[in-house]
Amino acid sequence: MSNKTPVYGGQALLEGVMFGGKDHSVTAVRRKDESIEYFYAKKEKKPLLQKLKKVPFLRGNVALIESAGLGARHMQFSGDRYDVMPGEEEEQGPEMSKLQMILGVAVVGVLSFLFGKFVFTLVPVFLAELFSPWIPDKTGQILLETLFKLILLFGYLYFISMMPIIKRVFQYHGSEHKVINCYEAGLELTVENVQKQSRLHYRCGSSFILFTVVVGMFVYFLFPTDPLWLRVLIRILLIPVVIGISFEVLQGTNALRNIPVLKYLGYPGLWLQLLTTKEPKDDMVEVAICSFKKLHEVEKNPEIAKELAHD
């Protein structure tokens, strides 16, 4: 990818995909009648946050806050427009309300960032402490803590991926990556070209989640593990530190992805994406392409944004 090529990010939603550029973001969702609706949101640029985004190790936390706020708006739109797709009624059952679906997908989106971050950070601490009579040393406790964190992460992702609604979201996640990969390869955005691309991408938030686990392990070695209350307090205080460092690692692995040997640094994150992405169907790829193309249209002519569906 050329250094002059704009960098785009995205997010999988309920029956849709959001893509965002420097100033704009667009979501496309497919309705049950096969029509596609769009949602537009302009990226608000607050002077203070823009300055902080230029500071290494702080910019990751700022980017996280901004993406969480913007993503919530797009998630709400896809939830409001969500239709149960043909064949899903029997699979999900009447107890699966729209609210439950929206909450389930929202948890996937903010995993390790909001409430989920505290859960996946602190629960392993208490689990490791249970083994302190047999593994009391600092190194053993931190390794145990990391092991439990990985088990919780992989177990959680595996079990939610078995839900029909989440599986579809993961398929849209795959279509999002395929479109970005196709665009960065300089190919025309057709269903055929996009489907040939990998469903994995170095900049994915799934990779970031895994990096927070690995980075956290190394950072924790610099601090005491006893007593337990201090360990818990340190883990909470270090959350923004771990996020900041992990963001830089993510950026670094993306920058090195075309360099032999060094490209393998990002492979653990790609492996996790084997759980958080699924191969999409052609109609899902079509939605992702529509979203990406509409974003380009808006970038060229912001007036088009007024024509898009939004609340």
C-alpha atoms as a PDB file:
ATOM      1  CA  MET A   1       0.000   0.000   0.000  1.00  0.00           C
ATOM      2  CA  SER A   2       1.362   3.422  -0.923  1.00  0.00           C
ATOM      3  CA  ASN A   3       2.092   5.850   1.875  1.00  0.00           C
ATOM      4  CA  LYS A   4      -0.228   8.303   0.088  1.00  0.00           C
ATOM      5  CA  THR A   5      -3.135   5.884   0.092  1.00  0.00           C
ATOM      6  CA  PRO A   6      -5.760   6.991   2.643  1.00  0.00           C
ATOM      7  CA  VAL A   7      -6.196   4.681   5.612  1.00  0.00           C
ATOM      8  CA  TYR A   8      -9.699   3.419   6.263  1.00  0.00           C
ATOM      9  CA  GLY A   9     -11.167   1.519   9.168  1.00  0.00           C
ATOM     10  CA  GLY A  10     -14.412  -0.322   9.596  1.00  0.00           C
ATOM     11  CA  GLN A  11     -16.805  -2.124  11.879  1.00  0.00           C
ATOM     12  CA  ALA A  12     -19.180  -5.031  11.359  1.00  0.00           C
ATOM     13  CA  LEU A  13     -22.774  -4.378  12.393  1.00  0.00           C
ATOM     14  CA  LEU A  14     -26.147  -6.113  12.390  1.00  0.00           C
ATOM     15  CA  GLU A  15     -26.651  -6.973   8.704  1.00  0.00           C
ATOM     16  CA  GLY A  16     -24.235  -4.262   7.664  1.00  0.00           C
ATOM     17  CA  VAL A  17     -20.809  -2.668   7.660  1.00  0.00           C
ATOM     18  CA  MET A  18     -19.490   0.735   8.646  1.00  0.00           C
ATOM     19  CA  PHE A  19     -16.448   2.314   7.024  1.00  0.00           C
ATOM     20  CA  GLY A  20     -14.728   5.450   8.225  1.00  0.00           C
ATOM     21  CA  GLY A  21     -12.084   7.736   6.794  1.00  0.00           C
ATOM     22  CA  LYS A  22     -10.384  10.864   8.074  1.00  0.00           C
ATOM     23  CA  ASP A  23     -13.516  13.024   8.296  1.00  0.00           C
ATOM     24  CA  HIS A  24     -16.531  10.872   7.454  1.00  0.00           C
ATOM     25  CA  SER A  25     -18.135   7.532   8.270  1.00  0.00           C
ATOM     26  CA  VAL A  26     -20.867   5.639   6.438  1.00  0.00           C
ATOM     27  CA  THR A  27     -22.872   2.534   7.271  1.00  0.00           C
ATOM     28  CA  ALA A  28     -24.763   0.352   4.814  1.00  0.00           C
ATOM     29  CA  VAL A  29     -27.291  -2.215   6.088  1.00  0.00           C
ATOM     30  CA  ARG A  30     -29.385  -4.679   4.147  1.00  0.00           C
ATOM     31  CA  ARG A  31     -33.068  -4.884   4.986  1.00  0.00           C
ATOM     32  CA  LYS A  32     -35.175  -8.027   4.767  1.00  0.00           C
ATOM     33  CA  ASP A  33     -36.673  -6.781   1.469  1.00  0.00           C
ATOM     34  CA  GLU A  34     -33.092  -6.725   0.029  1.00  0.00           C
ATOM     35  CA  SER A  35     -32.955  -2.922  -0.017  1.00  0.00           C
ATOM     36  CA  ILE A  36     -29.886  -1.156   1.371  1.00  0.00           C
ATOM     37  CA  GLU A  37     -30.117   1.804   3.731  1.00  0.00           C
ATOM     38  CA  TYR A  38     -27.329   4.169   4.669  1.00  0.00           C
ATOM     39  CA  PHE A  39     -26.326   6.138   7.719  1.00  0.00           C
ATOM     40  CA  TYR A  40     -23.824   8.990   7.730  1.00  0.00           C
ATOM     41  CA  ALA A  41     -21.932  10.537  10.627  1.00  0.00           C
ATOM     42  CA  LYS A  42     -19.290  13.222  10.415  1.00  0.00           C
ATOM     43  CA  LYS A  43     -16.274  12.736  12.618  1.00  0.00           C
ATOM     44  CA  GLU A  44     -16.225  15.531  15.176  1.00  0.00           C
ATOM     45  CA  LYS A  45     -12.734  16.954  15.654  1.00  0.00           C
ATOM     46  CA  LYS A  46     -12.151  18.475  19.075  1.00  0.00           C
ATOM     47  CA  PRO A  47      -8.927  20.524  19.236  1.00  0.00           C
ATOM     48  CA  LEU A  48      -7.637  18.991  22.468  1.00  0.00           C
ATOM     49  CA  LEU A  49      -8.235  15.422  21.311  1.00  0.00           C
ATOM     50  CA  GLN A  50      -6.588  16.156  17.966  1.00  0.00           C
ATOM     51  CA  LYS A  51      -3.465  17.306  19.788  1.00  0.00           C
ATOM     52  CA  LEU A  52      -3.468  14.245  22.041  1.00  0.00           C
ATOM     53  CA  LYS A  53      -3.820  11.975  19.003  1.00  0.00           C
ATOM     54  CA  LYS A  54      -0.347  13.078  17.957  1.00  0.00           C
ATOM     55  CA  VAL A  55       1.230  11.984  21.249  1.00  0.00           C
ATOM     56  CA  PRO A  56       2.576   8.405  21.173  1.00  0.00           C
ATOM     57  CA  PHE A  57       1.100   6.097  23.838  1.00  0.00           C
ATOM     58  CA  LEU A  58      -1.721   8.586  24.477  1.00  0.00           C
ATOM     59  CA  ARG A  59      -3.182   8.494  20.985  1.00  0.00           C
ATOM     60  CA  GLY A  60      -4.327   4.909  21.381  1.00  0.00           C
ATOM     61  CA  ASN A  61      -6.633   5.790  24.273  1.00  0.00           C
ATOM     62  CA  VAL A  62      -7.960   8.836  22.413  1.00  0.00           C
ATOM     63  CA  ALA A  63      -8.599   6.799  19.274  1.00  0.00           C
ATOM     64  CA  LEU A  64     -10.400   4.202  21.383  1.00  0.00           C
ATOM     65  CA  ILE A  65     -12.698   6.762  22.974  1.00  0.00           C
ATOM     66  CA  GLU A  66     -13.506   8.353  19.619  1.00  0.00           C
ATOM     67  CA  SER A  67     -14.159   5.058  17.844  1.00  0.00           C
ATOM     68  CA  ALA A  68     -16.357   3.818  20.705  1.00  0.00           C
ATOM     69  CA  GLY A  69     -18.552   6.911  20.521  1.00  0.00           C
ATOM     70  CA  LEU A  70     -18.786   6.890  16.734  1.00  0.00           C
ATOM     71  CA  GLY A  71     -19.322   3.133  16.581  1.00  0.00           C
ATOM     72  CA  ALA A  72     -22.203   3.364  19.042  1.00  0.00           C
ATOM     73  CA  ARG A  73     -24.095   5.701  16.702  1.00  0.00           C
ATOM     74  CA  HIS A  74     -23.694   3.330  13.773  1.00  0.00           C
ATOM     75  CA  MET A  75     -24.576   0.349  15.953  1.00  0.00           C
ATOM     76  CA  GLN A  76     -27.786   2.046  17.036  1.00  0.00           C
ATOM     77  CA  PHE A  77     -28.723   2.682  13.397  1.00  0.00           C
ATOM     78  CA  SER A  78     -28.155  -0.948  12.388  1.00  0.00           C
ATOM     79  CA  GLY A  79     -30.116  -2.104  15.435  1.00  0.00           C
ATOM     80  CA  ASP A  80     -33.043   0.170  14.586  1.00  0.00           C
ATOM     81  CA  ARG A  81     -33.083  -1.085  10.996  1.00  0.00           C
ATOM     82  CA  TYR A  82     -32.502  -4.745  11.872  1.00  0.00           C
ATOM     83  CA  ASP A  83     -34.842  -7.362  10.371  1.00  0.00           C
ATOM     84  CA  VAL A  84     -34.611 -11.046  11.272  1.00  0.00           C
ATOM     85  CA  MET A  85     -33.384 -12.679   8.074  1.00  0.00           C
ATOM     86  CA  PRO A  86     -35.210 -15.628   6.469  1.00  0.00           C
ATOM     87  CA  GLY A  87     -34.620 -18.877   8.339  1.00  0.00           C
ATOM     88  CA  GLU A  88     -33.334 -17.206  11.505  1.00  0.00           C
ATOM     89  CA  GLU A  89     -36.667 -17.150  13.320  1.00  0.00           C
ATOM     90  CA  GLU A  90     -36.507 -20.870  14.049  1.00  0.00           C
ATOM     91  CA  GLU A  91     -32.798 -20.815  14.937  1.00  0.00           C
ATOM     92  CA  GLN A  92     -33.018 -17.956  17.415  1.00  0.00           C
ATOM     93  CA  GLY A  93     -36.363 -18.666  19.004  1.00  0.00           C
ATOM     94  CA  PRO A  94     -38.823 -16.094  20.339  1.00  0.00           C
ATOM     95  CA  GLU A  95     -36.744 -15.408  23.444  1.00  0.00           C
ATOM     96  CA  MET A  96     -34.058 -13.733  21.307  1.00  0.00           C
ATOM     97  CA  SER A  97     -35.376 -10.176  21.314  1.00  0.00           C
ATOM     98  CA  LYS A  98     -33.919  -7.350  19.254  1.00  0.00           C
ATOM     99  CA  LEU A  99     -32.531  -5.809  22.443  1.00  0.00           C
ATOM    100  CA  GLN A 100     -30.651  -9.011  23.256  1.00  0.00           C
ATOM    101  CA  MET A 101     -29.189  -9.114  19.766  1.00  0.00           C
ATOM    102  CA  ILE A 102     -28.062  -5.502  19.900  1.00  0.00           C
ATOM    103  CA  LEU A 103     -26.499  -5.987  23.328  1.00  0.00           C
ATOM    104  CA  GLY A 104     -24.756  -9.152  22.161  1.00  0.00           C
ATOM    105  CA  VAL A 105     -23.184  -7.439  19.168  1.00  0.00           C
ATOM    106  CA  ALA A 106     -22.325  -4.386  21.253  1.00  0.00           C
ATOM    107  CA  VAL A 107     -20.373  -6.589  23.665  1.00  0.00           C
ATOM    108  CA  VAL A 108     -18.375  -7.967  20.732  1.00  0.00           C
ATOM    109  CA  GLY A 109     -17.580  -4.420  19.628  1.00  0.00           C
ATOM    110  CA  VAL A 110     -16.425  -3.113  22.993  1.00  0.00           C
ATOM    111  CA  LEU A 111     -14.814  -6.347  24.245  1.00  0.00           C
ATOM    112  CA  SER A 112     -11.725  -5.471  26.271  1.00  0.00           C
ATOM    113  CA  PHE A 113     -12.464  -1.752  26.004  1.00  0.00           C
ATOM    114  CA  LEU A 114     -15.190  -0.849  28.475  1.00  0.00           C
ATOM    115  CA  PHE A 115     -16.775  -3.140  31.075  1.00  0.00           C
ATOM    116  CA  GLY A 116     -15.330  -6.156  29.288  1.00  0.00           C
ATOM    117  CA  LYS A 117     -11.832  -4.785  29.766  1.00  0.00           C
ATOM    118  CA  PHE A 118     -12.233  -4.768  33.552  1.00  0.00           C
ATOM    119  CA  VAL A 119     -13.711  -8.264  33.549  1.00  0.00           C
ATOM    120  CA  PHE A 120     -10.987  -9.750  31.368  1.00  0.00           C
ATOM    121  CA  THR A 121      -8.333  -7.897  33.374  1.00  0.00           C
ATOM    122  CA  LEU A 122      -9.441  -8.631  36.939  1.00  0.00           C
ATOM    123  CA  VAL A 123     -11.067 -12.079  36.828  1.00  0.00           C
ATOM    124  CA  PRO A 124      -7.758 -13.741  35.835  1.00  0.00           C
ATOM    125  CA  VAL A 125      -6.089 -12.027  38.809  1.00  0.00           C
ATOM    126  CA  PHE A 126      -8.429 -13.737  41.275  1.00  0.00           C
ATOM    127  CA  LEU A 127      -8.200 -17.059  39.441  1.00  0.00           C
ATOM    128  CA  ALA A 128      -4.403 -16.961  39.586  1.00  0.00           C
ATOM    129  CA  GLU A 129      -4.539 -16.050  43.276  1.00  0.00           C
ATOM    130  CA  LEU A 130      -6.408 -19.291  43.971  1.00  0.00           C
ATOM    131  CA  PHE A 131      -3.234 -21.134  42.945  1.00  0.00           C
ATOM    132  CA  SER A 132      -0.932 -19.008  45.122  1.00  0.00           C
ATOM    133  CA  PRO A 133      -0.455 -21.815  47.723  1.00  0.00           C
ATOM    134  CA  TRP A 134       1.216 -23.887  44.996  1.00  0.00           C
ATOM    135  CA  ILE A 135       2.555 -21.114  42.721  1.00  0.00           C
ATOM    136  CA  PRO A 136       3.353 -18.197  45.014  1.00  0.00           C
ATOM    137  CA  ASP A 137       6.179 -16.523  43.055  1.00  0.00           C
ATOM    138  CA  LYS A 138       5.613 -13.380  41.011  1.00  0.00           C
ATOM    139  CA  THR A 139       6.611 -14.892  37.657  1.00  0.00           C
ATOM    140  CA  GLY A 140       4.340 -17.896  38.078  1.00  0.00           C
ATOM    141  CA  GLN A 141       1.395 -15.737  39.140  1.00  0.00           C
ATOM    142  CA  ILE A 142       1.722 -13.405  36.143  1.00  0.00           C
ATOM    143  CA  LEU A 143       2.044 -16.325  33.726  1.00  0.00           C
ATOM    144  CA  LEU A 144      -1.005 -17.972  35.281  1.00  0.00           C
ATOM    145  CA  GLU A 145      -2.917 -14.708  35.078  1.00  0.00           C
ATOM    146  CA  THR A 146      -2.052 -14.400  31.375  1.00  0.00           C
ATOM    147  CA  LEU A 147      -3.026 -18.006  30.719  1.00  0.00           C
ATOM    148  CA  PHE A 148      -6.447 -17.536  32.328  1.00  0.00           C
ATOM    149  CA  LYS A 149      -6.914 -14.312  30.385  1.00  0.00           C
ATOM    150  CA  LEU A 150      -6.254 -16.120  27.104  1.00  0.00           C
ATOM    151  CA  ILE A 151      -8.583 -18.978  28.062  1.00  0.00           C
ATOM    152  CA  LEU A 152     -11.377 -16.522  28.894  1.00  0.00           C
ATOM    153  CA  LEU A 153     -10.821 -14.570  25.692  1.00  0.00           C
ATOM    154  CA  PHE A 154     -10.727 -17.540  23.337  1.00  0.00           C
ATOM    155  CA  GLY A 155     -13.506 -19.338  25.179  1.00  0.00           C
ATOM    156  CA  TYR A 156     -15.764 -16.288  25.091  1.00  0.00           C
ATOM    157  CA  LEU A 157     -15.200 -15.683  21.381  1.00  0.00           C
ATOM    158  CA  TYR A 158     -15.700 -19.341  20.526  1.00  0.00           C
ATOM    159  CA  PHE A 159     -19.005 -19.682  22.351  1.00  0.00           C
ATOM    160  CA  ILE A 160     -20.565 -16.434  21.114  1.00  0.00           C
ATOM    161  CA  SER A 161     -19.498 -17.319  17.551  1.00  0.00           C
ATOM    162  CA  MET A 162     -21.942 -20.241  17.796  1.00  0.00           C
ATOM    163  CA  MET A 163     -24.901 -17.825  18.056  1.00  0.00           C
ATOM    164  CA  PRO A 164     -26.508 -17.406  14.588  1.00  0.00           C
ATOM    165  CA  ILE A 165     -26.736 -13.612  14.892  1.00  0.00           C
ATOM    166  CA  ILE A 166     -23.092 -13.254  15.987  1.00  0.00           C
ATOM    167  CA  LYS A 167     -21.938 -15.640  13.262  1.00  0.00           C
ATOM    168  CA  ARG A 168     -23.521 -13.326  10.686  1.00  0.00           C
ATOM    169  CA  VAL A 169     -21.835 -10.321  12.271  1.00  0.00           C
ATOM    170  CA  PHE A 170     -18.496 -12.163  12.051  1.00  0.00           C
ATOM    171  CA  GLN A 171     -19.225 -12.830   8.365  1.00  0.00           C
ATOM    172  CA  TYR A 172     -19.777  -9.118   7.836  1.00  0.00           C
ATOM    173  CA  HIS A 173     -16.520  -8.577   9.734  1.00  0.00           C
ATOM    174  CA  GLY A 174     -14.831 -10.801   7.171  1.00  0.00           C
ATOM    175  CA  SER A 175     -16.399  -8.838   4.311  1.00  0.00           C
ATOM    176  CA  GLU A 176     -15.141  -5.595   5.846  1.00  0.00           C
ATOM    177  CA  HIS A 177     -11.561  -6.890   5.893  1.00  0.00           C
ATOM    178  CA  LYS A 178     -11.832  -8.264   2.375  1.00  0.00           C
ATOM    179  CA  VAL A 179     -12.960  -4.888   1.015  1.00  0.00           C
ATOM    180  CA  ILE A 180     -10.102  -3.067   2.766  1.00  0.00           C
ATOM    181  CA  ASN A 181      -7.586  -5.622   1.488  1.00  0.00           C
ATOM    182  CA  CYS A 182      -8.964  -5.328  -2.037  1.00  0.00           C
ATOM    183  CA  TYR A 183      -8.780  -1.545  -1.906  1.00  0.00           C
ATOM    184  CA  GLU A 184      -5.238  -1.553  -0.521  1.00  0.00           C
ATOM    185  CA  ALA A 185      -4.211  -3.984  -3.267  1.00  0.00           C
ATOM    186  CA  GLY A 186      -5.376  -1.443  -5.851  1.00  0.00           C
ATOM    187  CA  LEU A 187      -8.018  -3.731  -7.342  1.00  0.00           C
ATOM    188  CA  GLU A 188     -11.478  -2.817  -8.564  1.00  0.00           C
ATOM    189  CA  LEU A 189     -14.109  -3.343  -5.890  1.00  0.00           C
ATOM    190  CA  THR A 190     -16.176  -6.136  -7.399  1.00  0.00           C
ATOM    191  CA  VAL A 191     -17.643  -9.089  -5.528  1.00  0.00           C
ATOM    192  CA  GLU A 192     -15.308 -11.430  -7.402  1.00  0.00           C
ATOM    193  CA  ASN A 193     -12.169  -9.430  -6.577  1.00  0.00           C
ATOM    194  CA  VAL A 194     -13.163  -8.875  -2.959  1.00  0.00           C
ATOM    195  CA  GLN A 195     -13.967 -12.534  -2.319  1.00  0.00           C
ATOM    196  CA  LYS A 196     -10.441 -13.483  -3.427  1.00  0.00           C
ATOM    197  CA  GLN A 197      -8.936 -11.421  -0.605  1.00  0.00           C
ATOM    198  CA  SER A 198      -8.048 -12.578   2.900  1.00  0.00           C
ATOM    199  CA  ARG A 199     -10.610 -12.067   5.647  1.00  0.00           C
ATOM    200  CA  LEU A 200      -7.737 -11.149   8.000  1.00  0.00           C
ATOM    201  CA  HIS A 201      -6.133  -7.717   8.422  1.00  0.00           C
ATOM    202  CA  TYR A 202      -3.248  -6.420  10.518  1.00  0.00           C
ATOM    203  CA  ARG A 203      -5.092  -3.317  11.804  1.00  0.00           C
ATOM    204  CA  CYS A 204      -8.095  -5.228  13.136  1.00  0.00           C
ATOM    205  CA  GLY A 205      -9.361  -4.548  16.636  1.00  0.00           C
ATOM    206  CA  SER A 206      -9.241  -8.293  17.311  1.00  0.00           C
ATOM    207  CA  SER A 207      -5.454  -8.147  16.969  1.00  0.00           C
ATOM    208  CA  PHE A 208      -5.449  -5.199  19.338  1.00  0.00           C
ATOM    209  CA  ILE A 209      -7.329  -7.221  21.964  1.00  0.00           C
ATOM    210  CA  LEU A 210      -4.723  -9.978  21.842  1.00  0.00           C
ATOM    211  CA  PHE A 211      -1.880  -7.467  22.013  1.00  0.00           C
ATOM    212  CA  THR A 212      -3.332  -6.030  25.231  1.00  0.00           C
ATOM    213  CA  VAL A 213      -2.989  -9.492  26.788  1.00  0.00           C
ATOM    214  CA  VAL A 214       0.618  -9.979  25.668  1.00  0.00           C
ATOM    215  CA  VAL A 215       1.722  -6.409  26.375  1.00  0.00           C
ATOM    216  CA  GLY A 216      -0.011  -6.510  29.748  1.00  0.00           C
ATOM    217  CA  MET A 217       1.987  -9.581  30.744  1.00  0.00           C
ATOM    218  CA  PHE A 218       5.312  -7.830  30.141  1.00  0.00           C
ATOM    219  CA  VAL A 219       4.187  -4.602  31.814  1.00  0.00           C
ATOM    220  CA  TYR A 220       2.975  -6.481  34.905  1.00  0.00           C
ATOM    221  CA  PHE A 221       6.465  -7.881  35.484  1.00  0.00           C
ATOM    222  CA  LEU A 222       7.535  -4.338  36.436  1.00  0.00           C
ATOM    223  CA  PHE A 223       5.107  -4.177  39.371  1.00  0.00           C
ATOM    224  CA  PRO A 224       4.491  -6.196  42.567  1.00  0.00           C
ATOM    225  CA  THR A 225       1.787  -8.860  42.778  1.00  0.00           C
ATOM    226  CA  ASP A 226       1.428  -8.777  46.564  1.00  0.00           C
ATOM    227  CA  PRO A 227      -0.704  -8.014  48.419  1.00  0.00           C
ATOM    228  CA  LEU A 228      -3.772  -8.850  46.356  1.00  0.00           C
ATOM    229  CA  TRP A 229      -5.495  -5.495  46.852  1.00  0.00           C
ATOM    230  CA  LEU A 230      -2.435  -3.680  45.502  1.00  0.00           C
ATOM    231  CA  ARG A 231      -2.265  -6.033  42.540  1.00  0.00           C
ATOM    232  CA  VAL A 232      -5.895  -5.317  41.676  1.00  0.00           C
ATOM    233  CA  LEU A 233      -5.368  -1.563  42.016  1.00  0.00           C
ATOM    234  CA  ILE A 234      -2.264  -1.671  39.816  1.00  0.00           C
ATOM    235  CA  ARG A 235      -4.106  -3.643  37.136  1.00  0.00           C
ATOM    236  CA  ILE A 236      -6.879  -1.024  37.015  1.00  0.00           C
ATOM    237  CA  LEU A 237      -4.425   1.889  36.893  1.00  0.00           C
ATOM    238  CA  LEU A 238      -2.400   0.208  34.158  1.00  0.00           C
ATOM    239  CA  ILE A 239      -5.359  -0.292  31.792  1.00  0.00           C
ATOM    240  CA  PRO A 240      -4.729   2.975  29.858  1.00  0.00           C
ATOM    241  CA  VAL A 241      -0.985   2.255  29.857  1.00  0.00           C
ATOM    242  CA  VAL A 242      -1.470  -1.210  28.374  1.00  0.00           C
ATOM    243  CA  ILE A 243      -3.943   0.166  25.821  1.00  0.00           C
ATOM    244  CA  GLY A 244      -1.492   2.893  24.804  1.00  0.00           C
ATOM    245  CA  ILE A 245       1.421   0.506  24.323  1.00  0.00           C
ATOM    246  CA  SER A 246      -0.742  -2.091  22.559  1.00  0.00           C
ATOM    247  CA  PHE A 247      -1.927   0.532  20.085  1.00  0.00           C
ATOM    248  CA  GLU A 248       1.676   1.366  19.188  1.00  0.00           C
ATOM    249  CA  VAL A 249       2.448  -2.344  18.777  1.00  0.00           C
ATOM    250  CA  LEU A 250      -0.562  -2.701  16.474  1.00  0.00           C
ATOM    251  CA  GLN A 251       0.603   0.236  14.368  1.00  0.00           C
ATOM    252  CA  GLY A 252       4.111  -1.181  14.291  1.00  0.00           C
ATOM    253  CA  THR A 253       3.089  -4.638  13.100  1.00  0.00           C
ATOM    254  CA  ASN A 254       0.959  -3.038  10.387  1.00  0.00           C
ATOM    255  CA  ALA A 255       3.934  -0.960   9.208  1.00  0.00           C
ATOM    256  CA  LEU A 256       6.133  -4.072   9.084  1.00  0.00           C
ATOM    257  CA  ARG A 257       3.642  -6.436   7.443  1.00  0.00           C
ATOM    258  CA  ASN A 258       5.403  -6.389   4.065  1.00  0.00           C
ATOM    259  CA  ILE A 259       8.885  -6.984   5.486  1.00  0.00           C
ATOM    260  CA  PRO A 260      10.087 -10.630   5.474  1.00  0.00           C
ATOM    261  CA  VAL A 261      10.519 -12.173   8.942  1.00  0.00           C
ATOM    262  CA  LEU A 262       9.185  -9.052  10.732  1.00  0.00           C
ATOM    263  CA  LYS A 263       5.741  -9.601   9.234  1.00  0.00           C
ATOM    264  CA  TYR A 264       5.331 -12.602  11.538  1.00  0.00           C
ATOM    265  CA  LEU A 265       5.127 -10.278  14.558  1.00  0.00           C
ATOM    266  CA  GLY A 266       1.513  -9.618  13.658  1.00  0.00           C
ATOM    267  CA  TYR A 267       0.565 -13.250  13.108  1.00  0.00           C
ATOM    268  CA  PRO A 268      -0.810 -13.928  16.638  1.00  0.00           C
ATOM    269  CA  GLY A 269      -3.372 -11.181  16.077  1.00  0.00           C
ATOM    270  CA  LEU A 270      -4.258 -12.619  12.686  1.00  0.00           C
ATOM    271  CA  TRP A 271      -4.756 -16.046  14.251  1.00  0.00           C
ATOM    272  CA  LEU A 272      -7.286 -14.592  16.698  1.00  0.00           C
ATOM    273  CA  GLN A 273      -9.183 -13.187  13.728  1.00  0.00           C
ATOM    274  CA  LEU A 274      -9.834 -16.744  12.619  1.00  0.00           C
ATOM    275  CA  LEU A 275     -12.383 -16.688  15.447  1.00  0.00           C
ATOM    276  CA  THR A 276     -13.756 -13.156  15.010  1.00  0.00           C
ATOM    277  CA  THR A 277     -14.195 -13.298  11.231  1.00  0.00           C
ATOM    278  CA  LYS A 278     -15.996 -15.782   9.010  1.00  0.00           C
ATOM    279  CA  GLU A 279     -16.081 -16.168   5.234  1.00  0.00           C
ATOM    280  CA  PRO A 280     -18.885 -13.901   4.000  1.00  0.00           C
ATOM    281  CA  LYS A 281     -21.550 -14.634   1.412  1.00  0.00           C
ATOM    282  CA  ASP A 282     -21.643 -12.635  -1.808  1.00  0.00           C
ATOM    283  CA  ASP A 283     -24.609 -10.544  -0.677  1.00  0.00           C
ATOM    284  CA  MET A 284     -22.697  -9.561   2.465  1.00  0.00           C
ATOM    285  CA  VAL A 285     -19.728  -8.501   0.363  1.00  0.00           C
ATOM    286  CA  GLU A 286     -22.096  -6.418  -1.767  1.00  0.00           C
ATOM    287  CA  VAL A 287     -23.217  -4.517   1.341  1.00  0.00           C
ATOM    288  CA  ALA A 288     -19.616  -3.869   2.370  1.00  0.00           C
ATOM    289  CA  ILE A 289     -18.739  -2.627  -1.113  1.00  0.00           C
ATOM    290  CA  CYS A 290     -21.774  -0.314  -1.117  1.00  0.00           C
ATOM    291  CA  SER A 291     -20.717   1.134   2.226  1.00  0.00           C
ATOM    292  CA  PHE A 292     -17.141   1.725   1.081  1.00  0.00           C
ATOM    293  CA  LYS A 293     -18.158   3.256  -2.245  1.00  0.00           C
ATOM    294  CA  LYS A 294     -20.713   5.505  -0.565  1.00  0.00           C
ATOM    295  CA  LEU A 295     -18.009   6.733   1.814  1.00  0.00           C
ATOM    296  CA  HIS A 296     -15.865   7.661  -1.204  1.00  0.00           C
ATOM    297  CA  GLU A 297     -18.800   9.504  -2.735  1.00  0.00           C
ATOM    298  CA  VAL A 298     -19.274  11.495   0.457  1.00  0.00           C
ATOM    299  CA  GLU A 299     -15.561  12.326   0.619  1.00  0.00           C
ATOM    300  CA  LYS A 300     -15.692  13.715  -2.907  1.00  0.00           C
ATOM    301  CA  ASN A 301     -18.981  15.534  -2.355  1.00  0.00           C
ATOM    302  CA  PRO A 302     -20.029  16.024   1.313  1.00  0.00           C
ATOM    303  CA  GLU A 303     -23.423  17.323   0.150  1.00  0.00           C
ATOM    304  CA  ILE A 304     -24.374  13.719  -0.624  1.00  0.00           C
ATOM    305  CA  ALA A 305     -24.425  13.078   3.138  1.00  0.00           C
ATOM    306  CA  LYS A 306     -27.707  14.980   3.368  1.00  0.00           C
ATOM    307  CA  GLU A 307     -29.347  12.322   1.218  1.00  0.00           C
ATOM    308  CA  LEU A 308     -28.359   9.435   3.481  1.00  0.00           C
ATOM    309  CA  ALA A 309     -30.734   8.024   6.091  1.00  0.00           C
ATOM    310  CA  HIS A 310     -29.888   9.278   9.541  1.00  0.00           C
ATOM    311  CA  ASP A 311     -31.580  10.130  12.821  1.00  0.00           C
END
